[in-house]
Amino acid sequence: MNQTSSPTESSTIFVVSGSPAQVRGLGVGDNASTELAAQSIALLTQAVQSPSPVAIVCSHDNRWYTRHAGSFRSWGAANTSVGAGHHLGELVARWLLQQSSESAQHPMPEVLSQDSLSGHPTQIVVLDGSAGLSPKAPLAEVPGADEAHEWCTALLAGEGPGSVEKQWLQERGVIEADLWLELEAEIAQRGWSGGLYWSDMSLGVGRYVARWERKG
């Protein structure tokens, strides 16, 4: 059962992409992925200064699993390691945190791994939108993918796009629909404020950087 934050407790949710293309040594070094990483690293300098452990929330589906703990070996970068983690989302988030820690000249925080929101004071949610936004996308071009991208963008921007069903998202190429709906339900609660810092669909996948906060 998921926990929710106490109304008197300050909480921050950072949303970053799980795209491995933003990790140095992976992908093709495209400008959009480089900018995606830069935006996430800049934002997460706030997370590394949290006095409590940082919880990474990402899919633990077997499709993202690697037996090589902390390593990007399964994605073509055997020499890139983040020390721990067995799922792609956690590996990417740990890499971003390491870069942020260096930028902020602050020790790497203790990291917790979760597959759902828990009400922890500082959570990094690793989440991508539709993977069918162009013919070169992982799912190729999916009808209605642009509608899902608009919904995800509006949600993270705080524009209240309205509730949708899990099937609606899945049919439009959103692989981790459950986590999107969990995030929607969380930030719909009273007291949350935030917004979208950056979005991109140049590789055919909706990729986002956002921050939401609830004051204590």
N, C-alpha and C. Protein backbone atom coordinates (compact mmCIF):
# COMPACT_ATOMS: atom_id res chain seq x y z
N MET A 1 0.85 -1.19 0.00
CA MET A 1 0.00 0.00 0.00
C MET A 1 0.88 1.24 0.00
N ASN A 2 0.61 2.18 -0.88
CA ASN A 2 1.37 3.40 -0.95
C ASN A 2 1.02 4.31 0.21
N GLN A 3 2.04 4.99 0.72
CA GLN A 3 1.82 5.96 1.76
C GLN A 3 1.73 7.34 1.13
N THR A 4 1.11 8.27 1.81
CA THR A 4 1.08 9.65 1.35
C THR A 4 1.74 10.52 2.38
N SER A 5 2.26 11.64 1.95
CA SER A 5 2.98 12.54 2.85
C SER A 5 2.02 13.17 3.84
N SER A 6 2.52 13.41 5.03
CA SER A 6 1.74 14.15 6.02
C SER A 6 1.57 15.58 5.54
N PRO A 7 0.40 16.19 5.78
CA PRO A 7 0.18 17.58 5.37
C PRO A 7 1.17 18.55 5.98
N THR A 8 1.82 18.17 7.09
CA THR A 8 2.76 19.07 7.75
C THR A 8 4.20 18.82 7.32
N GLU A 9 4.43 17.89 6.43
CA GLU A 9 5.77 17.53 6.02
C GLU A 9 6.06 18.06 4.63
N SER A 10 7.20 18.73 4.47
CA SER A 10 7.60 19.21 3.15
C SER A 10 8.03 18.03 2.30
N SER A 11 7.61 18.04 1.05
CA SER A 11 7.95 16.96 0.13
C SER A 11 8.29 17.55 -1.22
N THR A 12 9.22 16.92 -1.91
CA THR A 12 9.59 17.34 -3.26
C THR A 12 9.65 16.14 -4.17
N ILE A 13 9.06 16.29 -5.34
CA ILE A 13 9.11 15.26 -6.37
C ILE A 13 9.82 15.85 -7.58
N PHE A 14 10.90 15.20 -7.98
CA PHE A 14 11.60 15.56 -9.20
C PHE A 14 11.25 14.53 -10.26
N VAL A 15 10.90 14.96 -11.44
CA VAL A 15 10.61 14.04 -12.55
C VAL A 15 11.72 14.16 -13.57
N VAL A 16 12.35 13.03 -13.89
CA VAL A 16 13.41 13.00 -14.90
C VAL A 16 13.13 11.86 -15.86
N SER A 17 13.81 11.89 -16.99
CA SER A 17 13.65 10.84 -17.99
C SER A 17 14.55 9.64 -17.68
N GLY A 18 14.10 8.48 -18.08
CA GLY A 18 14.93 7.28 -17.95
C GLY A 18 15.71 6.97 -19.22
N SER A 19 15.74 7.90 -20.15
CA SER A 19 16.43 7.69 -21.43
C SER A 19 17.92 7.48 -21.22
N PRO A 20 18.46 6.32 -21.63
CA PRO A 20 19.91 6.11 -21.48
C PRO A 20 20.73 6.97 -22.41
N ALA A 21 20.10 7.58 -23.43
CA ALA A 21 20.83 8.42 -24.39
C ALA A 21 21.45 9.64 -23.73
N GLN A 22 20.97 10.01 -22.54
CA GLN A 22 21.53 11.19 -21.87
C GLN A 22 22.78 10.87 -21.07
N VAL A 23 23.09 9.59 -20.90
CA VAL A 23 24.26 9.16 -20.15
C VAL A 23 25.49 9.17 -21.06
N ARG A 24 26.54 9.83 -20.63
CA ARG A 24 27.75 9.87 -21.45
C ARG A 24 28.26 8.46 -21.70
N GLY A 25 28.58 8.18 -22.94
CA GLY A 25 29.03 6.85 -23.32
C GLY A 25 27.93 6.00 -23.91
N LEU A 26 26.69 6.48 -23.83
CA LEU A 26 25.55 5.79 -24.41
C LEU A 26 24.92 6.70 -25.46
N GLY A 27 24.08 6.14 -26.32
CA GLY A 27 23.39 6.95 -27.30
C GLY A 27 24.33 7.49 -28.36
N VAL A 28 23.88 8.54 -29.04
CA VAL A 28 24.64 9.09 -30.16
C VAL A 28 25.14 10.50 -29.87
N GLY A 29 24.98 10.95 -28.63
CA GLY A 29 25.45 12.27 -28.26
C GLY A 29 24.68 13.39 -28.92
N ASP A 30 23.39 13.17 -29.17
CA ASP A 30 22.58 14.20 -29.80
C ASP A 30 22.39 15.39 -28.86
N ASN A 31 22.19 16.55 -29.46
CA ASN A 31 22.09 17.79 -28.67
C ASN A 31 20.93 17.76 -27.68
N ALA A 32 19.80 17.18 -28.10
CA ALA A 32 18.63 17.15 -27.22
C ALA A 32 18.91 16.33 -25.97
N SER A 33 19.58 15.20 -26.11
CA SER A 33 19.88 14.36 -24.95
C SER A 33 20.91 15.03 -24.04
N THR A 34 21.84 15.74 -24.63
CA THR A 34 22.82 16.48 -23.84
C THR A 34 22.14 17.56 -23.02
N GLU A 35 21.19 18.26 -23.66
CA GLU A 35 20.45 19.31 -22.95
C GLU A 35 19.55 18.70 -21.88
N LEU A 36 18.94 17.55 -22.18
CA LEU A 36 18.11 16.85 -21.21
C LEU A 36 18.90 16.54 -19.95
N ALA A 37 20.10 16.00 -20.13
CA ALA A 37 20.94 15.68 -18.99
C ALA A 37 21.31 16.94 -18.22
N ALA A 38 21.67 18.00 -18.94
CA ALA A 38 22.07 19.25 -18.28
C ALA A 38 20.94 19.82 -17.44
N GLN A 39 19.73 19.80 -17.98
CA GLN A 39 18.57 20.31 -17.24
C GLN A 39 18.32 19.48 -15.98
N SER A 40 18.41 18.15 -16.11
CA SER A 40 18.16 17.27 -14.96
C SER A 40 19.24 17.43 -13.90
N ILE A 41 20.48 17.50 -14.33
CA ILE A 41 21.59 17.65 -13.38
C ILE A 41 21.46 18.95 -12.60
N ALA A 42 21.13 20.03 -13.31
CA ALA A 42 20.97 21.32 -12.64
C ALA A 42 19.85 21.27 -11.60
N LEU A 43 18.75 20.63 -11.96
CA LEU A 43 17.62 20.55 -11.04
C LEU A 43 17.93 19.67 -9.84
N LEU A 44 18.63 18.56 -10.08
CA LEU A 44 18.89 17.61 -9.00
C LEU A 44 19.99 18.05 -8.04
N THR A 45 20.64 19.17 -8.32
CA THR A 45 21.56 19.69 -7.32
C THR A 45 20.82 20.03 -6.04
N GLN A 46 19.49 20.29 -6.16
CA GLN A 46 18.66 20.52 -4.98
C GLN A 46 18.45 19.21 -4.22
N ALA A 47 18.28 18.12 -4.96
CA ALA A 47 18.02 16.82 -4.33
C ALA A 47 19.22 16.32 -3.55
N VAL A 48 20.42 16.54 -4.06
CA VAL A 48 21.60 16.00 -3.37
C VAL A 48 21.87 16.73 -2.07
N GLN A 49 21.24 17.87 -1.86
CA GLN A 49 21.41 18.61 -0.62
C GLN A 49 20.33 18.27 0.41
N SER A 50 19.49 17.30 0.08
CA SER A 50 18.45 16.87 1.02
C SER A 50 19.09 16.24 2.25
N PRO A 51 18.61 16.58 3.45
CA PRO A 51 19.16 15.99 4.67
C PRO A 51 18.75 14.53 4.86
N SER A 52 17.75 14.08 4.11
CA SER A 52 17.28 12.70 4.22
C SER A 52 17.66 11.92 2.96
N PRO A 53 17.60 10.60 3.00
CA PRO A 53 17.89 9.81 1.80
C PRO A 53 16.98 10.21 0.64
N VAL A 54 17.46 10.02 -0.55
CA VAL A 54 16.70 10.30 -1.76
C VAL A 54 16.10 8.99 -2.27
N ALA A 55 14.80 9.00 -2.50
CA ALA A 55 14.13 7.80 -3.00
C ALA A 55 13.99 7.90 -4.52
N ILE A 56 14.51 6.91 -5.22
CA ILE A 56 14.35 6.83 -6.67
C ILE A 56 13.15 5.93 -6.95
N VAL A 57 12.17 6.48 -7.66
CA VAL A 57 10.95 5.74 -7.99
C VAL A 57 10.98 5.47 -9.49
N CYS A 58 10.99 4.19 -9.86
CA CYS A 58 11.04 3.83 -11.27
C CYS A 58 10.43 2.46 -11.47
N SER A 59 10.19 2.12 -12.72
CA SER A 59 9.66 0.80 -13.02
C SER A 59 10.68 -0.28 -12.69
N HIS A 60 10.20 -1.35 -12.05
CA HIS A 60 11.03 -2.51 -11.77
C HIS A 60 10.62 -3.69 -12.66
N ASP A 61 10.03 -3.37 -13.79
CA ASP A 61 9.65 -4.40 -14.75
C ASP A 61 10.89 -5.12 -15.25
N ASN A 62 10.75 -6.40 -15.53
CA ASN A 62 11.89 -7.21 -15.97
C ASN A 62 12.52 -6.72 -17.26
N ARG A 63 11.76 -5.98 -18.07
CA ARG A 63 12.32 -5.50 -19.34
C ARG A 63 13.46 -4.51 -19.10
N TRP A 64 13.48 -3.89 -17.90
CA TRP A 64 14.51 -2.91 -17.59
C TRP A 64 15.60 -3.47 -16.67
N TYR A 65 15.55 -4.77 -16.38
CA TYR A 65 16.45 -5.38 -15.39
C TYR A 65 17.80 -5.78 -16.00
N THR A 66 18.84 -5.59 -15.22
CA THR A 66 20.16 -6.12 -15.55
C THR A 66 20.73 -6.83 -14.34
N ARG A 67 21.39 -7.94 -14.56
CA ARG A 67 22.02 -8.67 -13.45
C ARG A 67 23.34 -8.03 -13.04
N HIS A 68 23.84 -7.09 -13.86
CA HIS A 68 25.11 -6.42 -13.57
C HIS A 68 24.85 -5.20 -12.67
N ALA A 69 24.97 -5.40 -11.38
CA ALA A 69 24.62 -4.35 -10.42
C ALA A 69 25.39 -3.06 -10.69
N GLY A 70 24.64 -1.96 -10.82
CA GLY A 70 25.24 -0.66 -10.98
C GLY A 70 25.87 -0.37 -12.33
N SER A 71 25.76 -1.29 -13.26
CA SER A 71 26.47 -1.17 -14.53
C SER A 71 25.52 -0.97 -15.71
N PHE A 72 26.01 -0.20 -16.70
CA PHE A 72 25.29 -0.02 -17.96
C PHE A 72 25.77 -1.02 -19.01
N ARG A 73 26.41 -2.08 -18.58
CA ARG A 73 26.93 -3.09 -19.50
C ARG A 73 25.84 -3.59 -20.45
N SER A 74 24.65 -3.84 -19.92
CA SER A 74 23.56 -4.38 -20.75
C SER A 74 23.08 -3.39 -21.81
N TRP A 75 23.46 -2.12 -21.67
CA TRP A 75 23.07 -1.10 -22.65
C TRP A 75 24.26 -0.59 -23.45
N GLY A 76 25.35 -1.35 -23.39
CA GLY A 76 26.49 -1.06 -24.27
C GLY A 76 27.60 -0.24 -23.68
N ALA A 77 27.60 -0.02 -22.37
CA ALA A 77 28.66 0.79 -21.75
C ALA A 77 29.18 0.06 -20.51
N ALA A 78 30.00 -0.93 -20.73
CA ALA A 78 30.49 -1.77 -19.64
C ALA A 78 31.33 -1.00 -18.64
N ASN A 79 31.95 0.09 -19.07
CA ASN A 79 32.83 0.85 -18.19
C ASN A 79 32.11 1.96 -17.43
N THR A 80 30.81 2.08 -17.65
CA THR A 80 30.05 3.11 -16.94
C THR A 80 29.29 2.46 -15.80
N SER A 81 29.66 2.82 -14.58
CA SER A 81 29.05 2.21 -13.40
C SER A 81 28.62 3.28 -12.41
N VAL A 82 27.52 3.01 -11.71
CA VAL A 82 27.03 3.94 -10.68
C VAL A 82 26.99 3.29 -9.30
N GLY A 83 27.58 2.11 -9.20
CA GLY A 83 27.76 1.48 -7.90
C GLY A 83 26.69 0.53 -7.44
N ALA A 84 25.45 0.78 -7.79
CA ALA A 84 24.35 -0.07 -7.33
C ALA A 84 23.16 0.10 -8.26
N GLY A 85 22.19 -0.81 -8.11
CA GLY A 85 20.97 -0.71 -8.91
C GLY A 85 20.91 -1.79 -9.99
N HIS A 86 19.71 -2.32 -10.22
CA HIS A 86 19.53 -3.38 -11.20
C HIS A 86 18.51 -3.03 -12.29
N HIS A 87 17.93 -1.85 -12.24
CA HIS A 87 16.93 -1.46 -13.24
C HIS A 87 17.36 -0.15 -13.91
N LEU A 88 17.07 -0.05 -15.19
CA LEU A 88 17.57 1.06 -15.99
C LEU A 88 17.20 2.41 -15.38
N GLY A 89 15.96 2.58 -14.95
CA GLY A 89 15.55 3.85 -14.38
C GLY A 89 16.40 4.26 -13.20
N GLU A 90 16.69 3.31 -12.31
CA GLU A 90 17.52 3.61 -11.14
C GLU A 90 18.95 3.93 -11.57
N LEU A 91 19.47 3.19 -12.53
CA LEU A 91 20.84 3.45 -12.99
C LEU A 91 20.96 4.87 -13.56
N VAL A 92 20.00 5.26 -14.40
CA VAL A 92 20.04 6.60 -14.98
C VAL A 92 19.93 7.66 -13.89
N ALA A 93 19.01 7.47 -12.95
CA ALA A 93 18.84 8.45 -11.87
C ALA A 93 20.09 8.54 -11.01
N ARG A 94 20.71 7.40 -10.71
CA ARG A 94 21.95 7.42 -9.93
C ARG A 94 23.06 8.18 -10.68
N TRP A 95 23.13 7.98 -12.00
CA TRP A 95 24.13 8.69 -12.79
C TRP A 95 23.89 10.20 -12.73
N LEU A 96 22.63 10.60 -12.90
CA LEU A 96 22.29 12.03 -12.82
C LEU A 96 22.63 12.59 -11.44
N LEU A 97 22.33 11.83 -10.39
CA LEU A 97 22.65 12.28 -9.04
C LEU A 97 24.15 12.44 -8.83
N GLN A 98 24.92 11.52 -9.38
CA GLN A 98 26.37 11.63 -9.26
C GLN A 98 26.89 12.90 -9.91
N GLN A 99 26.36 13.20 -11.11
CA GLN A 99 26.78 14.43 -11.79
C GLN A 99 26.33 15.66 -11.00
N SER A 100 25.12 15.59 -10.44
CA SER A 100 24.60 16.71 -9.65
C SER A 100 25.41 16.93 -8.38
N SER A 101 25.81 15.82 -7.76
CA SER A 101 26.61 15.90 -6.54
C SER A 101 27.95 16.58 -6.82
N GLU A 102 28.54 16.25 -7.96
CA GLU A 102 29.80 16.89 -8.34
C GLU A 102 29.59 18.37 -8.60
N SER A 103 28.49 18.71 -9.29
CA SER A 103 28.21 20.12 -9.61
C SER A 103 27.97 20.94 -8.35
N ALA A 104 27.28 20.34 -7.39
CA ALA A 104 26.96 21.04 -6.15
C ALA A 104 28.06 20.94 -5.11
N GLN A 105 29.12 20.17 -5.42
CA GLN A 105 30.20 19.92 -4.48
C GLN A 105 29.64 19.45 -3.14
N HIS A 106 28.78 18.46 -3.26
CA HIS A 106 28.08 17.93 -2.09
C HIS A 106 28.17 16.41 -2.15
N PRO A 107 28.32 15.73 -1.01
CA PRO A 107 28.42 14.27 -1.04
C PRO A 107 27.18 13.63 -1.66
N MET A 108 27.40 12.52 -2.34
CA MET A 108 26.30 11.76 -2.92
C MET A 108 25.38 11.30 -1.78
N PRO A 109 24.07 11.57 -1.88
CA PRO A 109 23.16 11.18 -0.80
C PRO A 109 22.92 9.68 -0.77
N GLU A 110 22.42 9.21 0.36
CA GLU A 110 21.96 7.84 0.44
C GLU A 110 20.75 7.68 -0.48
N VAL A 111 20.67 6.56 -1.19
CA VAL A 111 19.61 6.37 -2.18
C VAL A 111 18.77 5.16 -1.82
N LEU A 112 17.46 5.34 -1.90
CA LEU A 112 16.51 4.25 -1.73
C LEU A 112 15.91 3.94 -3.09
N SER A 113 15.57 2.67 -3.31
CA SER A 113 14.97 2.27 -4.58
C SER A 113 13.53 1.82 -4.36
N GLN A 114 12.59 2.37 -5.14
CA GLN A 114 11.18 2.06 -4.99
C GLN A 114 10.55 1.89 -6.38
N ASP A 115 9.43 1.19 -6.42
CA ASP A 115 8.70 1.08 -7.68
C ASP A 115 7.37 1.83 -7.64
N SER A 116 7.15 2.58 -6.56
CA SER A 116 5.94 3.40 -6.46
C SER A 116 6.21 4.56 -5.51
N LEU A 117 5.38 5.60 -5.60
CA LEU A 117 5.51 6.74 -4.70
C LEU A 117 5.21 6.31 -3.27
N SER A 118 5.94 6.89 -2.32
CA SER A 118 5.81 6.46 -0.93
C SER A 118 5.57 7.58 0.05
N GLY A 119 5.60 8.82 -0.41
CA GLY A 119 5.49 9.94 0.52
C GLY A 119 6.82 10.32 1.14
N HIS A 120 7.92 9.74 0.66
CA HIS A 120 9.24 10.11 1.15
C HIS A 120 9.48 11.59 0.86
N PRO A 121 10.19 12.32 1.75
CA PRO A 121 10.37 13.76 1.55
C PRO A 121 11.00 14.17 0.23
N THR A 122 11.94 13.36 -0.27
CA THR A 122 12.59 13.68 -1.55
C THR A 122 12.52 12.47 -2.46
N GLN A 123 11.78 12.59 -3.56
CA GLN A 123 11.61 11.48 -4.48
C GLN A 123 11.97 11.92 -5.90
N ILE A 124 12.71 11.06 -6.58
CA ILE A 124 13.02 11.27 -8.00
C ILE A 124 12.23 10.23 -8.77
N VAL A 125 11.29 10.69 -9.57
CA VAL A 125 10.44 9.80 -10.35
C VAL A 125 11.00 9.73 -11.77
N VAL A 126 11.39 8.53 -12.17
CA VAL A 126 11.97 8.32 -13.49
C VAL A 126 10.85 7.86 -14.41
N LEU A 127 10.52 8.71 -15.38
CA LEU A 127 9.29 8.48 -16.14
C LEU A 127 9.38 9.11 -17.52
N ASP A 128 8.96 8.36 -18.53
CA ASP A 128 8.89 8.87 -19.90
C ASP A 128 7.47 8.76 -20.42
N GLY A 129 7.17 9.60 -21.40
CA GLY A 129 5.85 9.59 -22.00
C GLY A 129 5.73 8.57 -23.11
N SER A 130 4.99 8.90 -24.12
CA SER A 130 4.78 7.97 -25.23
C SER A 130 6.09 7.63 -25.92
N ALA A 131 6.25 6.36 -26.25
CA ALA A 131 7.43 5.90 -27.00
C ALA A 131 7.07 5.63 -28.45
N GLY A 132 6.06 6.37 -28.93
CA GLY A 132 5.62 6.17 -30.30
C GLY A 132 5.35 7.47 -31.03
N LEU A 133 6.23 8.46 -30.81
CA LEU A 133 5.97 9.80 -31.34
C LEU A 133 6.53 10.04 -32.74
N SER A 134 7.25 9.07 -33.29
CA SER A 134 7.78 9.22 -34.64
C SER A 134 8.12 7.84 -35.19
N PRO A 135 8.35 7.74 -36.49
CA PRO A 135 8.70 6.43 -37.07
C PRO A 135 9.98 5.83 -36.48
N LYS A 136 10.89 6.68 -35.97
CA LYS A 136 12.15 6.16 -35.41
C LYS A 136 12.04 5.86 -33.91
N ALA A 137 10.86 6.01 -33.35
CA ALA A 137 10.67 5.76 -31.92
C ALA A 137 10.75 4.27 -31.61
N PRO A 138 10.98 3.91 -30.35
CA PRO A 138 11.04 2.48 -29.96
C PRO A 138 9.82 1.68 -30.37
N LEU A 139 8.64 2.29 -30.34
CA LEU A 139 7.40 1.61 -30.74
C LEU A 139 6.97 1.98 -32.15
N ALA A 140 7.88 2.63 -32.90
CA ALA A 140 7.52 3.21 -34.20
C ALA A 140 6.45 4.27 -33.97
N GLU A 141 5.72 4.65 -34.98
CA GLU A 141 4.74 5.72 -34.83
C GLU A 141 3.40 5.15 -34.39
N VAL A 142 2.92 5.59 -33.25
CA VAL A 142 1.68 5.08 -32.67
C VAL A 142 0.58 6.13 -32.84
N PRO A 143 -0.56 5.76 -33.40
CA PRO A 143 -1.66 6.72 -33.53
C PRO A 143 -2.06 7.31 -32.18
N GLY A 144 -2.20 8.61 -32.12
CA GLY A 144 -2.60 9.26 -30.87
C GLY A 144 -1.47 9.54 -29.91
N ALA A 145 -0.23 9.20 -30.29
CA ALA A 145 0.90 9.41 -29.38
C ALA A 145 1.06 10.88 -29.04
N ASP A 146 0.78 11.76 -30.01
CA ASP A 146 0.90 13.19 -29.74
C ASP A 146 -0.09 13.65 -28.67
N GLU A 147 -1.26 13.00 -28.61
CA GLU A 147 -2.24 13.33 -27.58
C GLU A 147 -1.70 12.96 -26.20
N ALA A 148 -1.05 11.80 -26.10
CA ALA A 148 -0.45 11.39 -24.82
C ALA A 148 0.67 12.34 -24.42
N HIS A 149 1.47 12.77 -25.39
CA HIS A 149 2.55 13.71 -25.10
C HIS A 149 1.99 15.03 -24.58
N GLU A 150 0.92 15.48 -25.18
CA GLU A 150 0.28 16.73 -24.72
C GLU A 150 -0.27 16.57 -23.31
N TRP A 151 -0.85 15.40 -23.02
CA TRP A 151 -1.40 15.15 -21.68
C TRP A 151 -0.27 15.14 -20.63
N CYS A 152 0.80 14.42 -20.92
CA CYS A 152 1.92 14.35 -19.98
C CYS A 152 2.53 15.73 -19.75
N THR A 153 2.70 16.48 -20.82
CA THR A 153 3.27 17.82 -20.72
C THR A 153 2.38 18.72 -19.87
N ALA A 154 1.08 18.67 -20.14
CA ALA A 154 0.14 19.51 -19.39
C ALA A 154 0.10 19.13 -17.92
N LEU A 155 0.14 17.85 -17.63
CA LEU A 155 0.12 17.39 -16.24
C LEU A 155 1.33 17.95 -15.49
N LEU A 156 2.52 17.78 -16.06
CA LEU A 156 3.74 18.23 -15.38
C LEU A 156 3.82 19.75 -15.31
N ALA A 157 3.16 20.43 -16.23
CA ALA A 157 3.14 21.89 -16.22
C ALA A 157 2.10 22.46 -15.27
N GLY A 158 1.28 21.59 -14.69
CA GLY A 158 0.25 22.04 -13.76
C GLY A 158 -0.96 22.63 -14.43
N GLU A 159 -1.23 22.20 -15.66
CA GLU A 159 -2.35 22.77 -16.41
C GLU A 159 -3.64 21.96 -16.29
N GLY A 160 -3.63 20.93 -15.43
CA GLY A 160 -4.85 20.16 -15.19
C GLY A 160 -5.48 19.59 -16.45
N PRO A 161 -4.81 18.63 -17.10
CA PRO A 161 -5.32 18.11 -18.36
C PRO A 161 -6.54 17.21 -18.23
N GLY A 162 -6.94 16.88 -17.01
CA GLY A 162 -8.07 15.98 -16.81
C GLY A 162 -7.61 14.53 -16.71
N SER A 163 -8.42 13.73 -16.05
CA SER A 163 -8.07 12.33 -15.83
C SER A 163 -8.27 11.51 -17.09
N VAL A 164 -7.40 10.52 -17.26
CA VAL A 164 -7.52 9.57 -18.36
C VAL A 164 -7.41 8.17 -17.79
N GLU A 165 -7.76 7.18 -18.57
CA GLU A 165 -7.67 5.79 -18.15
C GLU A 165 -6.32 5.19 -18.54
N LYS A 166 -5.93 4.16 -17.82
CA LYS A 166 -4.68 3.46 -18.11
C LYS A 166 -4.65 2.99 -19.56
N GLN A 167 -5.75 2.43 -20.03
CA GLN A 167 -5.79 1.93 -21.40
C GLN A 167 -5.58 3.05 -22.41
N TRP A 168 -6.12 4.22 -22.12
CA TRP A 168 -5.96 5.37 -23.01
C TRP A 168 -4.48 5.69 -23.20
N LEU A 169 -3.73 5.69 -22.11
CA LEU A 169 -2.30 5.96 -22.19
C LEU A 169 -1.56 4.84 -22.92
N GLN A 170 -1.87 3.61 -22.58
CA GLN A 170 -1.18 2.49 -23.20
C GLN A 170 -1.41 2.44 -24.70
N GLU A 171 -2.61 2.71 -25.12
CA GLU A 171 -2.92 2.69 -26.55
C GLU A 171 -2.17 3.77 -27.31
N ARG A 172 -1.69 4.76 -26.62
CA ARG A 172 -0.96 5.87 -27.24
C ARG A 172 0.53 5.79 -26.98
N GLY A 173 0.99 4.61 -26.58
CA GLY A 173 2.42 4.36 -26.49
C GLY A 173 3.09 4.65 -25.18
N VAL A 174 2.32 4.90 -24.11
CA VAL A 174 2.91 5.15 -22.80
C VAL A 174 3.12 3.81 -22.10
N ILE A 175 4.36 3.43 -21.93
CA ILE A 175 4.68 2.10 -21.40
C ILE A 175 4.40 2.00 -19.90
N GLU A 176 4.77 3.02 -19.14
CA GLU A 176 4.60 2.99 -17.68
C GLU A 176 3.37 3.79 -17.27
N ALA A 177 2.22 3.39 -17.78
CA ALA A 177 0.98 4.13 -17.53
C ALA A 177 0.61 4.17 -16.05
N ASP A 178 0.83 3.08 -15.34
CA ASP A 178 0.46 3.03 -13.92
C ASP A 178 1.17 4.11 -13.11
N LEU A 179 2.46 4.30 -13.37
CA LEU A 179 3.22 5.28 -12.62
C LEU A 179 2.78 6.70 -12.96
N TRP A 180 2.40 6.93 -14.22
CA TRP A 180 1.86 8.24 -14.59
C TRP A 180 0.57 8.54 -13.82
N LEU A 181 -0.30 7.55 -13.74
CA LEU A 181 -1.56 7.76 -13.04
C LEU A 181 -1.34 7.92 -11.54
N GLU A 182 -0.35 7.24 -11.00
CA GLU A 182 -0.01 7.41 -9.59
C GLU A 182 0.51 8.82 -9.33
N LEU A 183 1.35 9.32 -10.23
CA LEU A 183 1.85 10.68 -10.10
C LEU A 183 0.71 11.69 -10.22
N GLU A 184 -0.19 11.47 -11.17
CA GLU A 184 -1.33 12.37 -11.33
C GLU A 184 -2.15 12.45 -10.05
N ALA A 185 -2.41 11.29 -9.44
CA ALA A 185 -3.21 11.26 -8.22
C ALA A 185 -2.50 11.96 -7.07
N GLU A 186 -1.18 11.83 -7.01
CA GLU A 186 -0.42 12.45 -5.93
C GLU A 186 -0.44 13.97 -6.02
N ILE A 187 -0.09 14.52 -7.19
CA ILE A 187 0.03 15.97 -7.28
C ILE A 187 -1.33 16.67 -7.38
N ALA A 188 -2.38 15.86 -7.55
CA ALA A 188 -3.74 16.43 -7.52
C ALA A 188 -4.16 16.75 -6.10
N GLN A 189 -3.45 16.20 -5.10
CA GLN A 189 -3.79 16.46 -3.72
C GLN A 189 -3.50 17.92 -3.36
N ARG A 190 -4.20 18.39 -2.41
CA ARG A 190 -4.08 19.78 -1.98
C ARG A 190 -2.67 20.09 -1.48
N GLY A 191 -2.17 21.23 -1.88
CA GLY A 191 -0.90 21.71 -1.36
C GLY A 191 0.28 21.58 -2.29
N TRP A 192 0.13 20.82 -3.38
CA TRP A 192 1.24 20.65 -4.31
C TRP A 192 1.29 21.81 -5.29
N SER A 193 2.50 22.25 -5.62
CA SER A 193 2.70 23.24 -6.67
C SER A 193 3.99 22.90 -7.40
N GLY A 194 4.05 23.25 -8.66
CA GLY A 194 5.26 22.94 -9.41
C GLY A 194 5.11 23.24 -10.87
N GLY A 195 5.99 22.68 -11.67
CA GLY A 195 5.91 22.94 -13.08
C GLY A 195 6.94 22.19 -13.89
N LEU A 196 6.81 22.31 -15.19
CA LEU A 196 7.66 21.64 -16.17
C LEU A 196 8.85 22.54 -16.50
N TYR A 197 10.04 21.97 -16.44
CA TYR A 197 11.25 22.72 -16.75
C TYR A 197 11.69 22.51 -18.20
N TRP A 198 11.44 21.32 -18.73
CA TRP A 198 11.95 21.02 -20.07
C TRP A 198 11.23 19.81 -20.61
N SER A 199 11.00 19.78 -21.91
CA SER A 199 10.42 18.58 -22.55
C SER A 199 11.00 18.43 -23.94
N ASP A 200 10.99 17.20 -24.44
CA ASP A 200 11.57 16.91 -25.74
C ASP A 200 10.92 15.66 -26.32
N MET A 201 10.80 15.62 -27.65
CA MET A 201 10.27 14.45 -28.32
C MET A 201 11.07 14.13 -29.58
N SER A 202 12.31 14.65 -29.64
CA SER A 202 13.11 14.55 -30.85
C SER A 202 13.52 13.13 -31.20
N LEU A 203 13.59 12.23 -30.22
CA LEU A 203 13.94 10.84 -30.49
C LEU A 203 12.71 9.95 -30.56
N GLY A 204 11.53 10.57 -30.60
CA GLY A 204 10.30 9.80 -30.71
C GLY A 204 9.73 9.36 -29.38
N VAL A 205 10.34 9.82 -28.28
CA VAL A 205 9.88 9.49 -26.92
C VAL A 205 9.66 10.80 -26.17
N GLY A 206 8.57 10.89 -25.42
CA GLY A 206 8.33 12.05 -24.58
C GLY A 206 9.26 12.03 -23.39
N ARG A 207 10.13 13.01 -23.28
CA ARG A 207 11.10 13.08 -22.19
C ARG A 207 10.93 14.43 -21.48
N TYR A 208 10.96 14.39 -20.15
CA TYR A 208 10.57 15.57 -19.38
C TYR A 208 11.48 15.79 -18.17
N VAL A 209 11.53 17.05 -17.73
CA VAL A 209 12.17 17.42 -16.47
C VAL A 209 11.19 18.33 -15.74
N ALA A 210 10.82 17.97 -14.52
CA ALA A 210 9.83 18.74 -13.79
C ALA A 210 10.12 18.66 -12.29
N ARG A 211 9.51 19.58 -11.57
CA ARG A 211 9.66 19.60 -10.11
C ARG A 211 8.35 20.02 -9.48
N TRP A 212 7.94 19.26 -8.45
CA TRP A 212 6.72 19.58 -7.70
C TRP A 212 7.05 19.55 -6.21
N GLU A 213 6.44 20.46 -5.46
CA GLU A 213 6.77 20.59 -4.04
C GLU A 213 5.49 20.84 -3.23
N ARG A 214 5.50 20.28 -2.03
CA ARG A 214 4.43 20.57 -1.07
C ARG A 214 5.11 21.04 0.22
N LYS A 215 4.79 22.25 0.61
CA LYS A 215 5.43 22.84 1.79
C LYS A 215 4.85 22.24 3.08
N GLY A 216 5.70 22.16 4.09
CA GLY A 216 5.24 21.67 5.38
C GLY A 216 4.49 22.73 6.15
